[in-house]
Amino acid sequence: RVIRSAVSPADCAPAWSPDRFRREFGLEPGQPVVAVVAQLIPRKGHGLLLAAWPAIRARFPGARLLVFGTGPLEGELVALAG
Protein backbone atom coordinates (compact mmCIF):
# COMPACT_ATOMS: atom_id res chain seq x y z
CA ARG A 1 0.00 0.00 0.00
CA VAL A 2 1.28 3.48 -0.81
CA ILE A 3 0.74 6.27 1.67
CA ARG A 4 0.91 9.58 -0.18
CA SER A 5 2.98 12.46 1.13
CA ALA A 6 2.40 16.18 1.01
CA VAL A 7 5.80 16.50 -0.68
CA SER A 8 5.78 16.82 -4.46
CA PRO A 9 7.87 14.10 -6.15
CA ALA A 10 9.17 16.71 -8.58
CA ASP A 11 10.84 18.46 -5.63
CA CYS A 12 12.68 15.25 -4.77
CA ALA A 13 14.37 14.42 -8.05
CA PRO A 14 17.29 12.07 -7.32
CA ALA A 15 20.68 13.73 -7.27
CA TRP A 16 22.44 10.36 -7.60
CA SER A 17 22.29 7.84 -10.38
CA PRO A 18 20.90 4.38 -9.52
CA ASP A 19 24.44 2.97 -9.84
CA ARG A 20 25.84 5.47 -7.34
CA PHE A 21 22.97 4.76 -4.93
CA ARG A 22 23.65 1.00 -5.13
CA ARG A 23 27.38 1.55 -4.56
CA GLU A 24 26.80 3.91 -1.62
CA PHE A 25 24.61 1.37 0.21
CA GLY A 26 26.32 -1.82 -0.95
CA LEU A 27 23.35 -3.04 -2.98
CA GLU A 28 23.57 -5.56 -5.79
CA PRO A 29 21.67 -5.00 -9.06
CA GLY A 30 18.29 -6.69 -8.74
CA GLN A 31 18.58 -7.07 -4.96
CA PRO A 32 15.22 -6.58 -3.21
CA VAL A 33 15.25 -3.34 -1.22
CA VAL A 34 12.69 -1.75 1.06
CA ALA A 35 13.41 1.92 1.70
CA VAL A 36 11.51 4.16 4.09
CA VAL A 37 11.92 7.94 4.10
CA ALA A 38 9.96 9.42 6.99
CA GLN A 39 10.16 11.05 10.40
CA LEU A 40 10.91 8.51 13.09
CA ILE A 41 7.64 8.99 14.95
CA PRO A 42 5.05 6.43 16.14
CA ARG A 43 2.38 7.03 13.49
CA LYS A 44 4.82 6.15 10.69
CA GLY A 45 4.87 2.49 11.76
CA HIS A 46 8.61 1.81 11.71
CA GLY A 47 8.24 -0.53 14.69
CA LEU A 48 5.71 -2.64 12.78
CA LEU A 49 8.06 -2.87 9.83
CA LEU A 50 10.95 -3.93 12.04
CA ALA A 51 8.74 -6.54 13.72
CA ALA A 52 7.77 -7.92 10.29
CA TRP A 53 11.30 -7.77 8.87
CA PRO A 54 12.36 -11.30 9.97
CA ALA A 55 9.41 -12.78 8.07
CA ILE A 56 10.24 -10.68 5.02
CA ARG A 57 13.88 -11.79 5.16
CA ALA A 58 12.77 -15.42 5.50
CA ARG A 59 10.89 -15.09 2.21
CA PHE A 60 13.49 -12.85 0.52
CA PRO A 61 16.85 -13.72 2.13
CA GLY A 62 18.83 -11.14 0.16
CA ALA A 63 16.49 -8.25 0.94
CA ARG A 64 17.86 -5.08 2.48
CA LEU A 65 16.07 -2.47 4.57
CA LEU A 66 17.08 1.18 4.35
CA VAL A 67 15.55 3.68 6.77
CA PHE A 68 16.10 7.38 6.23
CA GLY A 69 14.88 9.88 8.79
CA THR A 70 15.30 11.39 12.21
CA GLY A 71 12.99 11.80 15.14
CA PRO A 72 12.28 10.92 18.75
CA LEU A 73 12.13 7.15 18.10
CA GLU A 74 15.59 6.97 16.55
CA GLY A 75 17.31 5.36 19.54
CA GLU A 76 14.49 2.89 20.12
CA LEU A 77 14.39 1.86 16.45
CA VAL A 78 18.17 1.43 16.29
CA ALA A 79 17.96 -0.85 19.33
CA LEU A 80 15.12 -2.85 17.73
CA ALA A 81 17.09 -3.22 14.51
CA GLY A 82 20.00 -4.61 16.48
PDB file of N, CA and C in Angstrom:
ATOM      1  N   ARG A   1       0.849  -1.167   0.000  1.00  0.00           N
ATOM      2  CA  ARG A   1       0.000   0.000   0.000  1.00  0.00           C
ATOM      3  C   ARG A   1       0.890   1.222   0.000  1.00  0.00           C
ATOM      4  N   VAL A   2       0.533   2.228  -0.738  1.00  0.00           N
ATOM      5  CA  VAL A   2       1.278   3.484  -0.812  1.00  0.00           C
ATOM      6  C   VAL A   2       0.556   4.530   0.016  1.00  0.00           C
ATOM      7  N   ILE A   3       1.292   5.177   0.882  1.00  0.00           N
ATOM      8  CA  ILE A   3       0.743   6.275   1.673  1.00  0.00           C
ATOM      9  C   ILE A   3       1.322   7.558   1.094  1.00  0.00           C
ATOM     10  N   ARG A   4       0.479   8.354   0.506  1.00  0.00           N
ATOM     11  CA  ARG A   4       0.908   9.580  -0.177  1.00  0.00           C
ATOM     12  C   ARG A   4       1.443  10.606   0.816  1.00  0.00           C
ATOM     13  N   SER A   5       2.361  11.414   0.325  1.00  0.00           N
ATOM     14  CA  SER A   5       2.981  12.458   1.127  1.00  0.00           C
ATOM     15  C   SER A   5       2.531  13.818   0.614  1.00  0.00           C
ATOM     16  N   ALA A   6       2.703  14.817   1.426  1.00  0.00           N
ATOM     17  CA  ALA A   6       2.400  16.179   1.005  1.00  0.00           C
ATOM     18  C   ALA A   6       3.555  16.777   0.209  1.00  0.00           C
ATOM     19  N   VAL A   7       4.629  16.029   0.053  1.00  0.00           N
ATOM     20  CA  VAL A   7       5.802  16.501  -0.681  1.00  0.00           C
ATOM     21  C   VAL A   7       5.640  16.130  -2.149  1.00  0.00           C
ATOM     22  N   SER A   8       5.874  17.073  -3.021  1.00  0.00           N
ATOM     23  CA  SER A   8       5.778  16.815  -4.456  1.00  0.00           C
ATOM     24  C   SER A   8       6.976  15.995  -4.919  1.00  0.00           C
ATOM     25  N   PRO A   9       6.743  14.898  -5.639  1.00  0.00           N
ATOM     26  CA  PRO A   9       7.867  14.096  -6.146  1.00  0.00           C
ATOM     27  C   PRO A   9       8.825  14.902  -7.019  1.00  0.00           C
ATOM     28  N   ALA A  10       8.310  15.895  -7.731  1.00  0.00           N
ATOM     29  CA  ALA A  10       9.166  16.714  -8.581  1.00  0.00           C
ATOM     30  C   ALA A  10      10.219  17.464  -7.754  1.00  0.00           C
ATOM     31  N   ASP A  11       9.895  17.758  -6.501  1.00  0.00           N
ATOM     32  CA  ASP A  11      10.836  18.460  -5.628  1.00  0.00           C
ATOM     33  C   ASP A  11      11.921  17.525  -5.091  1.00  0.00           C
ATOM     34  N   CYS A  12      11.765  16.244  -5.327  1.00  0.00           N
ATOM     35  CA  CYS A  12      12.677  15.252  -4.768  1.00  0.00           C
ATOM     36  C   CYS A  12      13.404  14.467  -5.853  1.00  0.00           C
ATOM     37  N   ALA A  13      13.673  15.106  -6.959  1.00  0.00           N
ATOM     38  CA  ALA A  13      14.372  14.419  -8.051  1.00  0.00           C
ATOM     39  C   ALA A  13      15.704  13.899  -7.535  1.00  0.00           C
ATOM     40  N   PRO A  14      16.040  12.642  -7.842  1.00  0.00           N
ATOM     41  CA  PRO A  14      17.287  12.073  -7.321  1.00  0.00           C
ATOM     42  C   PRO A  14      18.512  12.825  -7.824  1.00  0.00           C
ATOM     43  N   ALA A  15      19.423  13.074  -6.919  1.00  0.00           N
ATOM     44  CA  ALA A  15      20.680  13.731  -7.273  1.00  0.00           C
ATOM     45  C   ALA A  15      21.728  12.692  -7.667  1.00  0.00           C
ATOM     46  N   TRP A  16      21.497  11.432  -7.295  1.00  0.00           N
ATOM     47  CA  TRP A  16      22.442  10.359  -7.598  1.00  0.00           C
ATOM     48  C   TRP A  16      21.866   9.452  -8.668  1.00  0.00           C
ATOM     49  N   SER A  17      22.726   8.856  -9.432  1.00  0.00           N
ATOM     50  CA  SER A  17      22.294   7.836 -10.380  1.00  0.00           C
ATOM     51  C   SER A  17      21.961   6.560  -9.601  1.00  0.00           C
ATOM     52  N   PRO A  18      21.165   5.664 -10.185  1.00  0.00           N
ATOM     53  CA  PRO A  18      20.899   4.384  -9.516  1.00  0.00           C
ATOM     54  C   PRO A  18      22.183   3.612  -9.208  1.00  0.00           C
ATOM     55  N   ASP A  19      23.168   3.672 -10.095  1.00  0.00           N
ATOM     56  CA  ASP A  19      24.439   2.972  -9.839  1.00  0.00           C
ATOM     57  C   ASP A  19      25.150   3.543  -8.625  1.00  0.00           C
ATOM     58  N   ARG A  20      25.181   4.855  -8.500  1.00  0.00           N
ATOM     59  CA  ARG A  20      25.836   5.469  -7.341  1.00  0.00           C
ATOM     60  C   ARG A  20      25.096   5.104  -6.055  1.00  0.00           C
ATOM     61  N   PHE A  21      23.764   5.118  -6.105  1.00  0.00           N
ATOM     62  CA  PHE A  21      22.974   4.756  -4.935  1.00  0.00           C
ATOM     63  C   PHE A  21      23.297   3.331  -4.506  1.00  0.00           C
ATOM     64  N   ARG A  22      23.324   2.390  -5.454  1.00  0.00           N
ATOM     65  CA  ARG A  22      23.652   1.001  -5.125  1.00  0.00           C
ATOM     66  C   ARG A  22      25.046   0.891  -4.521  1.00  0.00           C
ATOM     67  N   ARG A  23      26.014   1.592  -5.102  1.00  0.00           N
ATOM     68  CA  ARG A  23      27.382   1.554  -4.556  1.00  0.00           C
ATOM     69  C   ARG A  23      27.420   2.113  -3.141  1.00  0.00           C
ATOM     70  N   GLU A  24      26.773   3.242  -2.923  1.00  0.00           N
ATOM     71  CA  GLU A  24      26.796   3.910  -1.618  1.00  0.00           C
ATOM     72  C   GLU A  24      26.261   3.009  -0.507  1.00  0.00           C
ATOM     73  N   PHE A  25      25.248   2.196  -0.814  1.00  0.00           N
ATOM     74  CA  PHE A  25      24.613   1.366   0.206  1.00  0.00           C
ATOM     75  C   PHE A  25      24.926  -0.114   0.053  1.00  0.00           C
ATOM     76  N   GLY A  26      25.884  -0.441  -0.808  1.00  0.00           N
ATOM     77  CA  GLY A  26      26.322  -1.823  -0.949  1.00  0.00           C
ATOM     78  C   GLY A  26      25.246  -2.747  -1.481  1.00  0.00           C
ATOM     79  N   LEU A  27      24.451  -2.263  -2.421  1.00  0.00           N
ATOM     80  CA  LEU A  27      23.352  -3.040  -2.983  1.00  0.00           C
ATOM     81  C   LEU A  27      23.769  -3.662  -4.310  1.00  0.00           C
ATOM     82  N   GLU A  28      23.313  -4.872  -4.528  1.00  0.00           N
ATOM     83  CA  GLU A  28      23.570  -5.561  -5.790  1.00  0.00           C
ATOM     84  C   GLU A  28      22.449  -5.243  -6.781  1.00  0.00           C
ATOM     85  N   PRO A  29      22.746  -5.189  -8.076  1.00  0.00           N
ATOM     86  CA  PRO A  29      21.672  -4.997  -9.057  1.00  0.00           C
ATOM     87  C   PRO A  29      20.624  -6.104  -8.900  1.00  0.00           C
ATOM     88  N   GLY A  30      19.376  -5.734  -8.882  1.00  0.00           N
ATOM     89  CA  GLY A  30      18.291  -6.693  -8.741  1.00  0.00           C
ATOM     90  C   GLY A  30      18.000  -7.135  -7.318  1.00  0.00           C
ATOM     91  N   GLN A  31      18.803  -6.687  -6.360  1.00  0.00           N
ATOM     92  CA  GLN A  31      18.583  -7.070  -4.961  1.00  0.00           C
ATOM     93  C   GLN A  31      17.304  -6.417  -4.447  1.00  0.00           C
ATOM     94  N   PRO A  32      16.432  -7.186  -3.770  1.00  0.00           N
ATOM     95  CA  PRO A  32      15.220  -6.577  -3.212  1.00  0.00           C
ATOM     96  C   PRO A  32      15.576  -5.582  -2.113  1.00  0.00           C
ATOM     97  N   VAL A  33      14.974  -4.407  -2.191  1.00  0.00           N
ATOM     98  CA  VAL A  33      15.249  -3.345  -1.218  1.00  0.00           C
ATOM     99  C   VAL A  33      13.931  -2.716  -0.787  1.00  0.00           C
ATOM    100  N   VAL A  34      13.779  -2.535   0.511  1.00  0.00           N
ATOM    101  CA  VAL A  34      12.686  -1.746   1.062  1.00  0.00           C
ATOM    102  C   VAL A  34      13.331  -0.500   1.638  1.00  0.00           C
ATOM    103  N   ALA A  35      12.871   0.657   1.196  1.00  0.00           N
ATOM    104  CA  ALA A  35      13.410   1.921   1.700  1.00  0.00           C
ATOM    105  C   ALA A  35      12.260   2.748   2.268  1.00  0.00           C
ATOM    106  N   VAL A  36      12.505   3.325   3.430  1.00  0.00           N
ATOM    107  CA  VAL A  36      11.514   4.164   4.095  1.00  0.00           C
ATOM    108  C   VAL A  36      12.151   5.527   4.324  1.00  0.00           C
ATOM    109  N   VAL A  37      11.469   6.568   3.879  1.00  0.00           N
ATOM    110  CA  VAL A  37      11.916   7.938   4.099  1.00  0.00           C
ATOM    111  C   VAL A  37      10.804   8.627   4.872  1.00  0.00           C
ATOM    112  N   ALA A  38      11.022   8.843   6.166  1.00  0.00           N
ATOM    113  CA  ALA A  38       9.963   9.420   6.995  1.00  0.00           C
ATOM    114  C   ALA A  38      10.531   9.831   8.347  1.00  0.00           C
ATOM    115  N   GLN A  39       9.810  10.724   9.018  1.00  0.00           N
ATOM    116  CA  GLN A  39      10.155  11.054  10.397  1.00  0.00           C
ATOM    117  C   GLN A  39      10.062   9.781  11.235  1.00  0.00           C
ATOM    118  N   LEU A  40      10.927   9.663  12.201  1.00  0.00           N
ATOM    119  CA  LEU A  40      10.909   8.506  13.090  1.00  0.00           C
ATOM    120  C   LEU A  40       9.984   8.809  14.263  1.00  0.00           C
ATOM    121  N   ILE A  41       8.693   8.706  13.969  1.00  0.00           N
ATOM    122  CA  ILE A  41       7.639   8.985  14.946  1.00  0.00           C
ATOM    123  C   ILE A  41       6.652   7.814  14.932  1.00  0.00           C
ATOM    124  N   PRO A  42       5.898   7.618  16.031  1.00  0.00           N
ATOM    125  CA  PRO A  42       5.049   6.431  16.137  1.00  0.00           C
ATOM    126  C   PRO A  42       4.084   6.208  14.977  1.00  0.00           C
ATOM    127  N   ARG A  43       3.421   7.247  14.503  1.00  0.00           N
ATOM    128  CA  ARG A  43       2.382   7.030  13.492  1.00  0.00           C
ATOM    129  C   ARG A  43       2.924   6.550  12.148  1.00  0.00           C
ATOM    130  N   LYS A  44       4.239   6.611  11.944  1.00  0.00           N
ATOM    131  CA  LYS A  44       4.823   6.154  10.685  1.00  0.00           C
ATOM    132  C   LYS A  44       4.973   4.636  10.625  1.00  0.00           C
ATOM    133  N   GLY A  45       4.893   3.947  11.762  1.00  0.00           N
ATOM    134  CA  GLY A  45       4.868   2.494  11.759  1.00  0.00           C
ATOM    135  C   GLY A  45       6.195   1.784  11.588  1.00  0.00           C
ATOM    136  N   HIS A  46       7.296   2.457  11.854  1.00  0.00           N
ATOM    137  CA  HIS A  46       8.607   1.813  11.714  1.00  0.00           C
ATOM    138  C   HIS A  46       8.727   0.565  12.592  1.00  0.00           C
ATOM    139  N   GLY A  47       8.166   0.627  13.792  1.00  0.00           N
ATOM    140  CA  GLY A  47       8.239  -0.526  14.690  1.00  0.00           C
ATOM    141  C   GLY A  47       7.548  -1.749  14.104  1.00  0.00           C
ATOM    142  N   LEU A  48       6.418  -1.534  13.436  1.00  0.00           N
ATOM    143  CA  LEU A  48       5.708  -2.639  12.781  1.00  0.00           C
ATOM    144  C   LEU A  48       6.557  -3.239  11.662  1.00  0.00           C
ATOM    145  N   LEU A  49       7.194  -2.378  10.901  1.00  0.00           N
ATOM    146  CA  LEU A  49       8.059  -2.868   9.827  1.00  0.00           C
ATOM    147  C   LEU A  49       9.216  -3.683  10.392  1.00  0.00           C
ATOM    148  N   LEU A  50       9.841  -3.186  11.444  1.00  0.00           N
ATOM    149  CA  LEU A  50      10.955  -3.927  12.044  1.00  0.00           C
ATOM    150  C   LEU A  50      10.490  -5.251  12.635  1.00  0.00           C
ATOM    151  N   ALA A  51       9.281  -5.285  13.186  1.00  0.00           N
ATOM    152  CA  ALA A  51       8.744  -6.541  13.719  1.00  0.00           C
ATOM    153  C   ALA A  51       8.476  -7.542  12.597  1.00  0.00           C
ATOM    154  N   ALA A  52       8.065  -7.042  11.436  1.00  0.00           N
ATOM    155  CA  ALA A  52       7.769  -7.918  10.291  1.00  0.00           C
ATOM    156  C   ALA A  52       9.015  -8.300   9.501  1.00  0.00           C
ATOM    157  N   TRP A  53      10.108  -7.574   9.699  1.00  0.00           N
ATOM    158  CA  TRP A  53      11.301  -7.770   8.872  1.00  0.00           C
ATOM    159  C   TRP A  53      11.835  -9.212   8.890  1.00  0.00           C
ATOM    160  N   PRO A  54      11.885  -9.913  10.021  1.00  0.00           N
ATOM    161  CA  PRO A  54      12.364 -11.300   9.975  1.00  0.00           C
ATOM    162  C   PRO A  54      11.544 -12.188   9.027  1.00  0.00           C
ATOM    163  N   ALA A  55      10.240 -11.993   8.985  1.00  0.00           N
ATOM    164  CA  ALA A  55       9.406 -12.780   8.069  1.00  0.00           C
ATOM    165  C   ALA A  55       9.680 -12.401   6.616  1.00  0.00           C
ATOM    166  N   ILE A  56       9.908 -11.134   6.373  1.00  0.00           N
ATOM    167  CA  ILE A  56      10.238 -10.678   5.019  1.00  0.00           C
ATOM    168  C   ILE A  56      11.562 -11.280   4.588  1.00  0.00           C
ATOM    169  N   ARG A  57      12.556 -11.226   5.485  1.00  0.00           N
ATOM    170  CA  ARG A  57      13.877 -11.791   5.161  1.00  0.00           C
ATOM    171  C   ARG A  57      13.812 -13.300   4.963  1.00  0.00           C
ATOM    172  N   ALA A  58      12.916 -13.976   5.680  1.00  0.00           N
ATOM    173  CA  ALA A  58      12.774 -15.418   5.495  1.00  0.00           C
ATOM    174  C   ALA A  58      12.285 -15.728   4.082  1.00  0.00           C
ATOM    175  N   ARG A  59      11.418 -14.877   3.573  1.00  0.00           N
ATOM    176  CA  ARG A  59      10.893 -15.092   2.213  1.00  0.00           C
ATOM    177  C   ARG A  59      11.833 -14.555   1.145  1.00  0.00           C
ATOM    178  N   PHE A  60      12.556 -13.484   1.451  1.00  0.00           N
ATOM    179  CA  PHE A  60      13.486 -12.846   0.520  1.00  0.00           C
ATOM    180  C   PHE A  60      14.835 -12.677   1.227  1.00  0.00           C
ATOM    181  N   PRO A  61      15.624 -13.744   1.310  1.00  0.00           N
ATOM    182  CA  PRO A  61      16.849 -13.719   2.127  1.00  0.00           C
ATOM    183  C   PRO A  61      17.842 -12.610   1.780  1.00  0.00           C
ATOM    184  N   GLY A  62      17.873 -12.180   0.551  1.00  0.00           N
ATOM    185  CA  GLY A  62      18.829 -11.144   0.163  1.00  0.00           C
ATOM    186  C   GLY A  62      18.312  -9.734   0.324  1.00  0.00           C
ATOM    187  N   ALA A  63      17.093  -9.581   0.839  1.00  0.00           N
ATOM    188  CA  ALA A  63      16.486  -8.253   0.939  1.00  0.00           C
ATOM    189  C   ALA A  63      17.243  -7.365   1.920  1.00  0.00           C
ATOM    190  N   ARG A  64      17.241  -6.082   1.602  1.00  0.00           N
ATOM    191  CA  ARG A  64      17.860  -5.076   2.478  1.00  0.00           C
ATOM    192  C   ARG A  64      16.812  -4.051   2.868  1.00  0.00           C
ATOM    193  N   LEU A  65      16.955  -3.513   4.071  1.00  0.00           N
ATOM    194  CA  LEU A  65      16.069  -2.469   4.568  1.00  0.00           C
ATOM    195  C   LEU A  65      16.885  -1.207   4.781  1.00  0.00           C
ATOM    196  N   LEU A  66      16.444  -0.122   4.168  1.00  0.00           N
ATOM    197  CA  LEU A  66      17.081   1.180   4.347  1.00  0.00           C
ATOM    198  C   LEU A  66      16.063   2.116   4.983  1.00  0.00           C
ATOM    199  N   VAL A  67      16.445   2.739   6.079  1.00  0.00           N
ATOM    200  CA  VAL A  67      15.554   3.678   6.769  1.00  0.00           C
ATOM    201  C   VAL A  67      16.249   5.026   6.804  1.00  0.00           C
ATOM    202  N   PHE A  68      15.579   6.026   6.252  1.00  0.00           N
ATOM    203  CA  PHE A  68      16.100   7.383   6.226  1.00  0.00           C
ATOM    204  C   PHE A  68      15.164   8.264   7.030  1.00  0.00           C
ATOM    205  N   GLY A  69      15.698   8.975   8.006  1.00  0.00           N
ATOM    206  CA  GLY A  69      14.879   9.883   8.791  1.00  0.00           C
ATOM    207  C   GLY A  69      15.493  10.135  10.155  1.00  0.00           C
ATOM    208  N   THR A  70      14.903  11.084  10.837  1.00  0.00           N
ATOM    209  CA  THR A  70      15.296  11.390  12.210  1.00  0.00           C
ATOM    210  C   THR A  70      14.022  11.618  13.003  1.00  0.00           C
ATOM    211  N   GLY A  71      14.145  11.545  14.297  1.00  0.00           N
ATOM    212  CA  GLY A  71      12.990  11.803  15.144  1.00  0.00           C
ATOM    213  C   GLY A  71      13.160  11.182  16.509  1.00  0.00           C
ATOM    214  N   PRO A  72      12.168  11.360  17.369  1.00  0.00           N
ATOM    215  CA  PRO A  72      12.283  10.923  18.749  1.00  0.00           C
ATOM    216  C   PRO A  72      12.414   9.406  18.937  1.00  0.00           C
ATOM    217  N   LEU A  73      12.030   8.606  17.954  1.00  0.00           N
ATOM    218  CA  LEU A  73      12.128   7.146  18.095  1.00  0.00           C
ATOM    219  C   LEU A  73      13.462   6.583  17.573  1.00  0.00           C
ATOM    220  N   GLU A  74      14.360   7.443  17.168  1.00  0.00           N
ATOM    221  CA  GLU A  74      15.590   6.966  16.554  1.00  0.00           C
ATOM    222  C   GLU A  74      16.329   5.949  17.418  1.00  0.00           C
ATOM    223  N   GLY A  75      16.584   6.268  18.663  1.00  0.00           N
ATOM    224  CA  GLY A  75      17.311   5.357  19.541  1.00  0.00           C
ATOM    225  C   GLY A  75      16.589   4.041  19.725  1.00  0.00           C
ATOM    226  N   GLU A  76      15.288   4.094  19.931  1.00  0.00           N
ATOM    227  CA  GLU A  76      14.489   2.886  20.122  1.00  0.00           C
ATOM    228  C   GLU A  76      14.516   2.017  18.863  1.00  0.00           C
ATOM    229  N   LEU A  77      14.399   2.621  17.701  1.00  0.00           N
ATOM    230  CA  LEU A  77      14.393   1.857  16.450  1.00  0.00           C
ATOM    231  C   LEU A  77      15.771   1.258  16.152  1.00  0.00           C
ATOM    232  N   VAL A  78      16.813   1.980  16.463  1.00  0.00           N
ATOM    233  CA  VAL A  78      18.175   1.432  16.286  1.00  0.00           C
ATOM    234  C   VAL A  78      18.340   0.214  17.176  1.00  0.00           C
ATOM    235  N   ALA A  79      17.860   0.294  18.415  1.00  0.00           N
ATOM    236  CA  ALA A  79      17.961  -0.851  19.326  1.00  0.00           C
ATOM    237  C   ALA A  79      17.143  -2.033  18.816  1.00  0.00           C
ATOM    238  N   LEU A  80      15.946  -1.786  18.284  1.00  0.00           N
ATOM    239  CA  LEU A  80      15.124  -2.851  17.732  1.00  0.00           C
ATOM    240  C   LEU A  80      15.786  -3.517  16.521  1.00  0.00           C
ATOM    241  N   ALA A  81      16.443  -2.702  15.718  1.00  0.00           N
ATOM    242  CA  ALA A  81      17.095  -3.223  14.511  1.00  0.00           C
ATOM    243  C   ALA A  81      18.315  -4.054  14.850  1.00  0.00           C
ATOM    244  N   GLY A  82      18.856  -3.834  16.031  1.00  0.00           N
ATOM    245  CA  GLY A  82      19.996  -4.611  16.484  1.00  0.00           C
ATOM    246  C   GLY A  82      21.229  -4.177  15.816  1.00  0.00           C
TER     247      GLY A  82
END
